Amino acid sequence: MTVTVGKGLHLHFDPASGVAGDMTVAALVAAGVPEKVVIGAVRAVGVKGLKVGFAPRKRGAFLGLGFEVDWPGKGRDHDHSHDHGHSHDHGHGHGHGHQHRDYAEIRRLLKRSSLDSATKDLSARIFGRIAEEEAALHGVAVDRVAFHEVGAWDSIADIVGAAAALAWLEPSAVTSSPPVLGSGVIHTAHGLMPVPAPATAAILRGLPVLAEGTGELTTPTGAAILATVVGSFTGPPAMRLVAQGFGAGTREHTDRPNVLRVLLGEAIGRHLPASAAEVVLVAANIDDMSPQLAEPLMAALFAAGSLDVWFTPITMKKGRPALEISALCEAGMLAEVENAFFANSSTIGLRRQVMQRTVLDRAMTRVATTYGDVRIKVASRQGEVWGAAPEFEDCRKLAARGGVPVRRVVAEASAAALTWLRASRKKRS
């Protein structure tokens, strides 16, 4: 049984068993998108005889929802179950046989449809993502890419249905855990190929993935949906959970339930971009520079893109007092940070070290004090809030405006943050 949810929530995909088009549609409906949104959108495409529906489907220990597609002659069109993007059994989706349509025809079909503009645009972007990668893989013009699988009835229903559900939700942001790809060898229209299918790998290029599970768990269609709509691949941010939905595939797996889960929630504050997991530590020992130049050096390093800068008093040879200057930066800012070091200090050499780090997810919200509103930074991991602290610069400005010590504003803001944190945890429980 599903409940209707509001719009503007945070949407998180949890593809621990992979992702396919039909599973995406079913999961979104199971989480609260009205069935009529998807059914009406598929009808609006204008393909005679194309019908869709939903039915409960248990996979492993979970009761999920299945998305079912039917069209005239379905039983004659295929002899075994396929999924999208390649002519083989993915284990997620429905049968579609050997229909052939090129990308130009798909675009004409969408253009002529009576879909709303948001659904039409998102559907076109998802189809376009697949077409561009297939064209590059096979050396053909994009318009001539033969969607002999993706252009078939069930795949049109899946992509349009997913686009309609997403357009209806109007999520404030979309995140996803890294999708699980699977393993082994699959039968494609182009012969035997290892998992992931070439189109899936091309679509997910540059994005985090997990090579786990047996068989093909993430399909080109599922990959294209994620690559098109997901803003960042990370754990769920701090949010008050409103609903979850399970979209079930057509096959059972021995090592995991074949379901895609989605989470919907009210984001706690404004979600901040994920921090880089890999950084570079740049350092130098300096014993021949006036201490008066230390502060301008720190300012220059921050201005060049350093994530953090610190000074450590040390003693060098012959007992000379010195400073170890350290700066952390992302690899893309390394040249600028090094230039700032050389331009603003007396050093003639730098040390570099690549470092891995784990950083909590962060969001920003506000609390009220008697001196004015103060932003607080909320730290969380996989949806669990670990702490909340006031922004010092906000406290400093309010203190100057109110003519009171900064520590007084900080104390009140910290108390307000603690009250907010307790109330947030109470609502989540």
Protein backbone atom coordinates (compact mmCIF):
# COMPACT_ATOMS: atom_id res chain seq x y z
CA MET A 1 0.00 0.00 0.00
CA THR A 2 1.40 3.40 -0.94
CA VAL A 3 0.66 6.86 0.39
CA THR A 4 0.69 10.05 -1.61
CA VAL A 5 3.60 12.30 -0.67
CA GLY A 6 4.18 15.98 -1.16
CA LYS A 7 6.38 17.58 -3.77
CA GLY A 8 9.74 19.22 -3.28
CA LEU A 9 11.22 16.47 -1.09
CA HIS A 10 14.79 15.19 -1.24
CA LEU A 11 15.01 12.00 -3.34
CA HIS A 12 17.68 9.37 -2.69
CA PHE A 13 18.27 6.23 -4.76
CA ASP A 14 19.65 3.13 -3.02
CA PRO A 15 20.69 0.79 -5.89
CA ALA A 16 22.24 -1.94 -3.73
CA SER A 17 20.85 -4.51 -6.20
CA GLY A 18 21.43 -2.34 -9.26
CA VAL A 19 18.94 -0.25 -11.16
CA ALA A 20 16.78 -0.69 -14.26
CA GLY A 21 14.07 1.42 -15.85
CA ASP A 22 11.09 -0.60 -14.71
CA MET A 23 12.44 -0.85 -11.14
CA THR A 24 12.85 2.94 -11.05
CA VAL A 25 9.24 3.56 -12.08
CA ALA A 26 7.92 1.01 -9.59
CA ALA A 27 10.05 2.34 -6.70
CA LEU A 28 8.89 5.93 -7.24
CA VAL A 29 5.24 4.86 -7.32
CA ALA A 30 5.72 2.64 -4.26
CA ALA A 31 7.16 5.67 -2.45
CA GLY A 32 4.07 7.75 -3.14
CA VAL A 33 3.84 8.98 -6.73
CA PRO A 34 0.24 8.32 -7.85
CA GLU A 35 -0.05 5.43 -10.33
CA LYS A 36 -2.22 7.60 -12.59
CA VAL A 37 0.75 9.94 -13.19
CA VAL A 38 2.69 7.15 -14.90
CA ILE A 39 -0.29 5.51 -16.60
CA GLY A 40 -1.45 8.87 -17.98
CA ALA A 41 2.02 9.76 -19.25
CA VAL A 42 2.43 6.48 -21.12
CA ARG A 43 -1.01 6.95 -22.65
CA ALA A 44 0.00 10.48 -23.70
CA VAL A 45 2.84 9.09 -25.84
CA GLY A 46 0.11 7.98 -28.24
CA VAL A 47 1.31 4.45 -29.01
CA LYS A 48 -1.79 2.42 -29.79
CA GLY A 49 -2.22 -0.65 -27.61
CA LEU A 50 0.61 0.20 -25.19
CA LYS A 51 -0.66 -0.41 -21.64
CA VAL A 52 1.03 -0.34 -18.25
CA GLY A 53 0.10 -1.33 -14.72
CA PHE A 54 1.46 -2.16 -11.29
CA ALA A 55 1.30 -5.32 -9.17
CA PRO A 56 2.85 -6.42 -5.86
CA ARG A 57 5.99 -8.50 -6.36
CA LYS A 58 7.99 -10.16 -3.58
CA ARG A 59 11.75 -10.43 -3.98
CA GLY A 60 13.72 -12.04 -1.19
CA ALA A 61 12.22 -10.90 2.11
CA PHE A 62 10.79 -7.68 0.66
CA LEU A 63 7.40 -7.01 -0.87
CA GLY A 64 7.99 -4.51 -3.63
CA LEU A 65 6.05 -3.21 -6.59
CA GLY A 66 6.43 -4.43 -10.16
CA PHE A 67 5.90 -2.27 -13.24
CA GLU A 68 4.26 -4.27 -16.04
CA VAL A 69 4.00 -3.32 -19.69
CA ASP A 70 1.75 -4.90 -22.32
CA TRP A 71 1.24 -4.28 -26.03
CA PRO A 72 -0.43 -6.08 -28.94
CA GLY A 73 1.53 -9.15 -29.99
CA LYS A 74 3.77 -9.14 -26.93
CA GLY A 75 3.75 -12.92 -26.64
CA ARG A 76 4.86 -13.30 -30.28
CA ASP A 77 7.56 -10.64 -30.08
CA HIS A 78 9.91 -12.40 -27.70
CA ASP A 79 10.92 -15.83 -26.56
CA HIS A 80 12.54 -14.84 -23.27
CA SER A 81 12.76 -11.89 -20.92
CA HIS A 82 14.93 -8.91 -21.88
CA ASP A 83 15.74 -5.54 -20.44
CA HIS A 84 16.81 -2.31 -22.05
CA GLY A 85 19.82 -1.22 -24.02
CA HIS A 86 20.88 -4.70 -25.17
CA SER A 87 19.12 -7.80 -26.40
CA HIS A 88 19.73 -10.07 -23.44
CA ASP A 89 18.26 -11.14 -20.13
CA HIS A 90 19.18 -8.53 -17.51
CA GLY A 91 17.02 -10.06 -14.82
CA HIS A 92 15.35 -6.73 -14.00
CA GLY A 93 12.88 -5.86 -16.68
CA HIS A 94 10.18 -7.02 -19.01
CA GLY A 95 10.17 -8.64 -22.42
CA HIS A 96 10.18 -6.51 -25.52
CA GLY A 97 11.27 -8.62 -28.45
CA HIS A 98 13.01 -7.24 -31.50
CA GLN A 99 11.32 -3.95 -32.33
CA HIS A 100 13.54 -1.46 -34.17
CA ARG A 101 13.41 2.33 -33.91
CA ASP A 102 16.14 4.87 -34.41
CA TYR A 103 16.74 7.87 -32.20
CA ALA A 104 15.25 10.28 -34.74
CA GLU A 105 11.97 8.34 -34.64
CA ILE A 106 11.99 8.32 -30.84
CA ARG A 107 12.40 12.11 -30.82
CA ARG A 108 9.53 12.53 -33.27
CA LEU A 109 7.36 10.27 -31.11
CA LEU A 110 8.05 12.38 -28.02
CA LYS A 111 7.57 15.66 -29.90
CA ARG A 112 4.15 14.60 -31.21
CA SER A 113 3.01 13.33 -27.81
CA SER A 114 0.71 15.21 -25.45
CA LEU A 115 3.14 14.87 -22.54
CA ASP A 116 3.66 17.89 -20.31
CA SER A 117 6.81 19.84 -21.10
CA ALA A 118 8.76 18.70 -18.00
CA THR A 119 8.16 15.00 -18.70
CA LYS A 120 8.83 15.41 -22.41
CA ASP A 121 12.12 17.23 -21.77
CA LEU A 122 13.39 14.73 -19.18
CA SER A 123 12.42 11.76 -21.37
CA ALA A 124 14.31 13.27 -24.29
CA ARG A 125 17.39 13.87 -22.13
CA ILE A 126 17.45 10.26 -20.90
CA PHE A 127 17.01 8.87 -24.42
CA GLY A 128 19.63 11.31 -25.67
CA ARG A 129 22.13 10.16 -23.06
CA ILE A 130 21.84 6.58 -24.28
CA ALA A 131 21.85 7.54 -27.97
CA GLU A 132 25.02 9.61 -27.69
CA GLU A 133 26.95 6.82 -25.98
CA GLU A 134 25.66 4.14 -28.38
CA ALA A 135 26.59 6.31 -31.34
CA ALA A 136 30.13 6.75 -30.03
CA LEU A 137 30.47 3.03 -29.28
CA HIS A 138 29.31 1.87 -32.71
CA GLY A 139 30.56 4.72 -34.89
CA VAL A 140 27.22 5.84 -36.30
CA ALA A 141 25.35 9.17 -36.41
CA VAL A 142 23.28 9.82 -33.28
CA ASP A 143 19.99 10.03 -35.20
CA ARG A 144 20.70 6.67 -36.82
CA VAL A 145 21.32 4.80 -33.58
CA ALA A 146 19.05 1.77 -33.82
CA PHE A 147 17.13 1.44 -30.57
CA HIS A 148 16.15 -2.13 -31.28
CA GLU A 149 15.87 -2.64 -27.51
CA VAL A 150 15.64 0.77 -25.87
CA GLY A 151 13.16 1.91 -28.50
CA ALA A 152 10.83 -1.01 -27.88
CA TRP A 153 7.47 -0.69 -26.17
CA ASP A 154 8.49 -1.52 -22.62
CA SER A 155 11.54 0.73 -22.70
CA ILE A 156 9.54 3.70 -23.97
CA ALA A 157 7.13 3.05 -21.11
CA ASP A 158 9.97 2.81 -18.59
CA ILE A 159 11.74 6.02 -19.60
CA VAL A 160 8.57 8.06 -20.02
CA GLY A 161 7.12 6.61 -16.80
CA ALA A 162 10.26 7.41 -14.81
CA ALA A 163 10.41 10.92 -16.27
CA ALA A 164 6.74 11.53 -15.43
CA ALA A 165 7.18 10.33 -11.84
CA LEU A 166 10.28 12.50 -11.36
CA ALA A 167 8.62 15.53 -12.91
CA TRP A 168 5.63 15.07 -10.61
CA LEU A 169 7.84 14.80 -7.51
CA GLU A 170 9.80 17.98 -8.32
CA PRO A 171 12.53 16.87 -5.86
CA SER A 172 14.52 19.60 -4.15
CA ALA A 173 17.66 17.54 -4.84
CA VAL A 174 18.52 14.01 -5.98
CA THR A 175 21.31 11.85 -4.59
CA SER A 176 22.23 8.21 -5.04
CA SER A 177 24.50 5.66 -3.46
CA PRO A 178 26.96 4.18 -6.01
CA PRO A 179 25.05 1.68 -8.19
CA VAL A 180 26.00 -2.00 -8.04
CA LEU A 181 26.94 -3.24 -11.53
CA GLY A 182 27.01 -7.03 -11.15
CA SER A 183 29.47 -9.41 -12.79
CA GLY A 184 29.77 -12.19 -15.35
CA VAL A 185 29.01 -12.35 -19.06
CA ILE A 186 25.84 -11.27 -20.87
CA HIS A 187 24.31 -12.03 -24.26
CA THR A 188 23.90 -8.82 -26.24
CA ALA A 189 22.77 -7.95 -29.74
CA HIS A 190 26.48 -7.62 -30.53
CA GLY A 191 27.59 -10.95 -29.02
CA LEU A 192 28.90 -12.02 -25.63
CA MET A 193 30.12 -9.13 -23.49
CA PRO A 194 31.36 -8.87 -19.89
CA VAL A 195 29.39 -6.92 -17.28
CA PRO A 196 28.97 -3.98 -17.27
CA ALA A 197 27.58 -3.70 -20.79
CA PRO A 198 29.61 -1.23 -22.88
CA ALA A 199 26.75 1.29 -22.98
CA THR A 200 26.29 1.09 -19.20
CA ALA A 201 30.01 1.68 -18.60
CA ALA A 202 30.04 4.60 -21.05
CA ILE A 203 26.97 6.24 -19.49
CA LEU A 204 28.44 5.92 -15.97
CA ARG A 205 31.91 7.12 -16.99
CA GLY A 206 33.40 9.30 -14.23
CA LEU A 207 30.78 8.26 -11.65
CA PRO A 208 31.33 5.98 -8.61
CA VAL A 209 30.13 2.37 -9.00
CA LEU A 210 30.44 -0.95 -7.17
CA ALA A 211 31.41 -4.19 -8.94
CA GLU A 212 29.38 -6.62 -6.84
CA GLY A 213 26.67 -9.20 -7.36
CA THR A 214 26.04 -11.79 -10.06
CA GLY A 215 24.71 -11.07 -13.53
CA GLU A 216 23.90 -7.64 -14.97
CA LEU A 217 22.34 -5.63 -12.16
CA THR A 218 22.56 -2.11 -13.61
CA THR A 219 21.19 -1.73 -17.14
CA PRO A 220 21.86 1.05 -19.67
CA THR A 221 18.39 2.50 -19.07
CA GLY A 222 18.81 2.50 -15.30
CA ALA A 223 22.29 3.99 -15.65
CA ALA A 224 20.98 6.73 -17.96
CA ILE A 225 18.25 7.72 -15.50
CA LEU A 226 20.75 8.05 -12.66
CA ALA A 227 23.35 9.85 -14.77
CA THR A 228 20.72 12.34 -15.95
CA VAL A 229 18.99 13.24 -12.68
CA VAL A 230 21.40 12.54 -9.79
CA GLY A 231 23.23 15.59 -8.46
CA SER A 232 25.77 13.72 -6.32
CA PHE A 233 26.62 10.09 -5.63
CA THR A 234 26.83 9.80 -1.88
CA GLY A 235 24.92 8.47 1.10
CA PRO A 236 21.55 10.02 1.96
CA PRO A 237 21.93 13.47 3.52
CA ALA A 238 20.51 14.53 6.85
CA MET A 239 16.73 14.52 6.38
CA ARG A 240 13.47 13.63 8.07
CA LEU A 241 12.33 10.49 6.28
CA VAL A 242 8.84 10.71 4.82
CA ALA A 243 8.56 7.56 2.69
CA GLN A 244 10.44 4.72 1.06
CA GLY A 245 9.51 2.58 -1.92
CA PHE A 246 10.76 -0.74 -3.30
CA GLY A 247 10.72 -1.39 -7.04
CA ALA A 248 11.05 -5.11 -7.76
CA GLY A 249 12.73 -6.74 -10.76
CA THR A 250 11.49 -9.87 -12.51
CA ARG A 251 14.11 -12.33 -11.25
CA GLU A 252 15.28 -13.58 -7.87
CA HIS A 253 18.94 -13.27 -6.83
CA THR A 254 20.62 -15.62 -4.39
CA ASP A 255 22.87 -13.03 -2.74
CA ARG A 256 20.52 -10.01 -2.44
CA PRO A 257 16.85 -9.06 -2.87
CA ASN A 258 16.27 -7.82 -6.42
CA VAL A 259 14.76 -4.49 -5.42
CA LEU A 260 15.62 -0.84 -5.94
CA ARG A 261 14.83 1.33 -2.92
CA VAL A 262 14.16 5.05 -3.02
CA LEU A 263 13.93 7.34 0.00
CA LEU A 264 11.97 10.59 0.20
CA GLY A 265 12.52 13.07 2.99
CA GLU A 266 12.51 16.65 4.15
CA ALA A 267 16.10 17.84 3.87
CA ILE A 268 17.51 19.29 7.08
CA GLY A 269 18.80 22.66 5.96
CA ARG A 270 20.52 23.34 2.66
CA HIS A 271 22.63 20.36 1.58
CA LEU A 272 26.24 21.39 0.93
CA PRO A 273 28.38 19.83 -1.83
CA ALA A 274 30.26 16.67 -0.89
CA SER A 275 33.88 17.20 0.08
CA ALA A 276 36.70 15.65 -1.95
CA ALA A 277 37.78 12.24 -0.65
CA GLU A 278 41.36 12.80 -1.87
CA VAL A 279 43.44 15.88 -1.07
CA VAL A 280 47.07 16.99 -1.33
CA LEU A 281 49.09 18.12 1.67
CA VAL A 282 51.64 20.80 0.70
CA ALA A 283 54.21 21.81 3.33
CA ALA A 284 57.44 23.72 3.86
CA ASN A 285 59.79 24.43 6.79
CA ILE A 286 60.74 28.12 6.96
CA ASP A 287 63.33 29.63 9.32
CA ASP A 288 64.34 32.80 7.48
CA MET A 289 61.09 34.74 7.12
CA SER A 290 59.76 37.56 9.28
CA PRO A 291 56.84 36.40 11.46
CA GLN A 292 54.94 39.46 10.24
CA LEU A 293 54.63 37.75 6.84
CA ALA A 294 52.95 34.65 8.28
CA GLU A 295 49.42 36.06 8.30
CA PRO A 296 49.59 37.40 4.69
CA LEU A 297 50.95 33.98 3.63
CA MET A 298 48.00 32.20 5.25
CA ALA A 299 45.54 34.58 3.56
CA ALA A 300 47.22 34.03 0.19
CA LEU A 301 47.09 30.23 0.56
CA PHE A 302 43.38 30.34 1.38
CA ALA A 303 42.75 32.70 -1.54
CA ALA A 304 44.56 30.25 -3.85
CA GLY A 305 42.08 27.50 -2.99
CA SER A 306 43.46 25.81 0.14
CA LEU A 307 40.89 23.89 2.16
CA ASP A 308 42.87 24.44 5.35
CA VAL A 309 46.13 26.09 6.38
CA TRP A 310 48.05 25.81 9.66
CA PHE A 311 51.40 26.78 11.17
CA THR A 312 53.40 24.56 13.53
CA PRO A 313 56.34 25.97 15.57
CA ILE A 314 59.42 23.76 15.10
CA THR A 315 63.14 23.88 15.83
CA MET A 316 65.52 23.36 12.93
CA LYS A 317 69.28 22.74 12.77
CA LYS A 318 71.56 24.80 14.97
CA GLY A 319 68.55 25.46 17.23
CA ARG A 320 66.92 27.93 14.89
CA PRO A 321 63.20 28.56 15.63
CA ALA A 322 61.05 28.01 12.54
CA LEU A 323 57.53 27.40 11.25
CA GLU A 324 56.21 24.39 9.37
CA ILE A 325 53.62 25.80 6.97
CA SER A 326 50.99 23.24 5.89
CA ALA A 327 48.12 23.57 3.42
CA LEU A 328 45.48 21.09 2.23
CA CYS A 329 44.00 21.45 -1.22
CA GLU A 330 42.25 19.45 -3.93
CA ALA A 331 44.45 18.19 -6.74
CA GLY A 332 42.95 20.66 -9.21
CA MET A 333 44.12 23.62 -7.07
CA LEU A 334 47.66 22.34 -6.47
CA ALA A 335 49.39 24.64 -8.96
CA GLU A 336 47.71 27.76 -7.57
CA VAL A 337 48.52 26.81 -3.97
CA GLU A 338 52.16 26.13 -4.85
CA ASN A 339 52.41 29.48 -6.63
CA ALA A 340 50.99 31.20 -3.54
CA PHE A 341 53.63 29.49 -1.38
CA PHE A 342 56.51 30.67 -3.56
CA ALA A 343 55.15 34.19 -4.09
CA ASN A 344 54.39 34.91 -0.42
CA SER A 345 57.15 33.12 1.50
CA SER A 346 60.91 32.64 1.40
CA THR A 347 60.80 28.91 0.74
CA ILE A 348 62.53 27.48 -2.34
CA GLY A 349 61.02 24.00 -2.06
CA LEU A 350 57.78 22.26 -1.12
CA ARG A 351 56.77 18.77 0.03
CA ARG A 352 53.64 17.10 -1.38
CA GLN A 353 51.67 14.14 -0.10
CA VAL A 354 48.41 12.72 -1.48
CA MET A 355 46.03 11.88 1.36
CA GLN A 356 42.67 10.09 1.65
CA ARG A 357 40.03 11.45 4.02
CA THR A 358 36.51 10.73 5.22
CA VAL A 359 34.28 13.78 5.60
CA LEU A 360 30.76 13.83 7.01
CA ASP A 361 27.91 15.12 4.84
CA ARG A 362 27.07 18.72 5.70
CA ALA A 363 23.99 20.89 5.50
CA MET A 364 23.27 24.46 6.56
CA THR A 365 20.23 25.72 8.43
CA ARG A 366 19.43 28.60 10.82
CA VAL A 367 18.49 29.05 14.47
CA ALA A 368 17.16 32.16 16.22
CA THR A 369 18.98 33.97 19.05
CA THR A 370 18.17 37.20 20.88
CA TYR A 371 20.84 38.87 18.75
CA GLY A 372 19.55 37.56 15.40
CA ASP A 373 19.58 34.41 13.26
CA VAL A 374 22.76 32.31 13.19
CA ARG A 375 23.57 29.69 10.60
CA ILE A 376 24.42 26.26 11.98
CA LYS A 377 26.31 23.56 10.12
CA VAL A 378 24.74 20.10 10.47
CA ALA A 379 27.04 17.07 10.13
CA SER A 380 25.61 13.67 9.21
CA ARG A 381 26.51 10.30 7.77
CA GLN A 382 24.09 8.14 5.79
CA GLY A 383 21.19 10.17 7.10
CA GLU A 384 22.19 10.04 10.79
CA VAL A 385 22.89 13.46 12.31
CA TRP A 386 26.10 13.53 14.36
CA GLY A 387 26.24 17.16 15.39
CA ALA A 388 25.37 20.80 14.74
CA ALA A 389 27.55 23.85 15.40
CA PRO A 390 27.06 27.61 14.89
CA GLU A 391 29.03 29.51 12.26
CA PHE A 392 31.55 31.66 14.14
CA GLU A 393 31.55 34.53 11.61
CA ASP A 394 27.78 34.94 12.04
CA CYS A 395 28.28 35.15 15.80
CA ARG A 396 31.11 37.66 15.39
CA LYS A 397 28.99 39.97 13.21
CA LEU A 398 26.00 39.81 15.56
CA ALA A 399 28.23 40.49 18.55
CA ALA A 400 29.70 43.58 16.89
CA ARG A 401 26.23 44.81 15.95
CA GLY A 402 24.85 44.23 19.46
CA GLY A 403 27.92 45.48 21.32
CA VAL A 404 28.33 42.26 23.32
CA PRO A 405 31.20 39.77 23.68
CA VAL A 406 31.40 37.16 20.90
CA ARG A 407 31.44 34.32 23.44
CA ARG A 408 27.97 35.37 24.65
CA VAL A 409 26.50 35.05 21.15
CA VAL A 410 28.37 31.78 20.57
CA ALA A 411 27.00 30.35 23.82
CA GLU A 412 23.41 31.23 22.96
CA ALA A 413 23.76 29.99 19.38
CA SER A 414 25.29 26.71 20.62
CA ALA A 415 22.37 26.21 23.00
CA ALA A 416 19.91 26.91 20.17
CA ALA A 417 21.75 24.44 17.95
CA LEU A 418 21.54 21.77 20.67
CA THR A 419 17.80 22.40 21.09
CA TRP A 420 17.36 22.13 17.30
CA LEU A 421 19.39 18.91 17.22
CA ARG A 422 17.30 17.29 19.96
CA ALA A 423 14.06 18.29 18.25
CA SER A 424 15.32 16.94 14.92
CA ARG A 425 16.26 13.57 16.42
CA LYS A 426 12.88 13.36 18.19
CA LYS A 427 11.04 13.93 14.90
CA ARG A 428 13.20 11.32 13.12
CA SER A 429 12.46 8.72 15.79
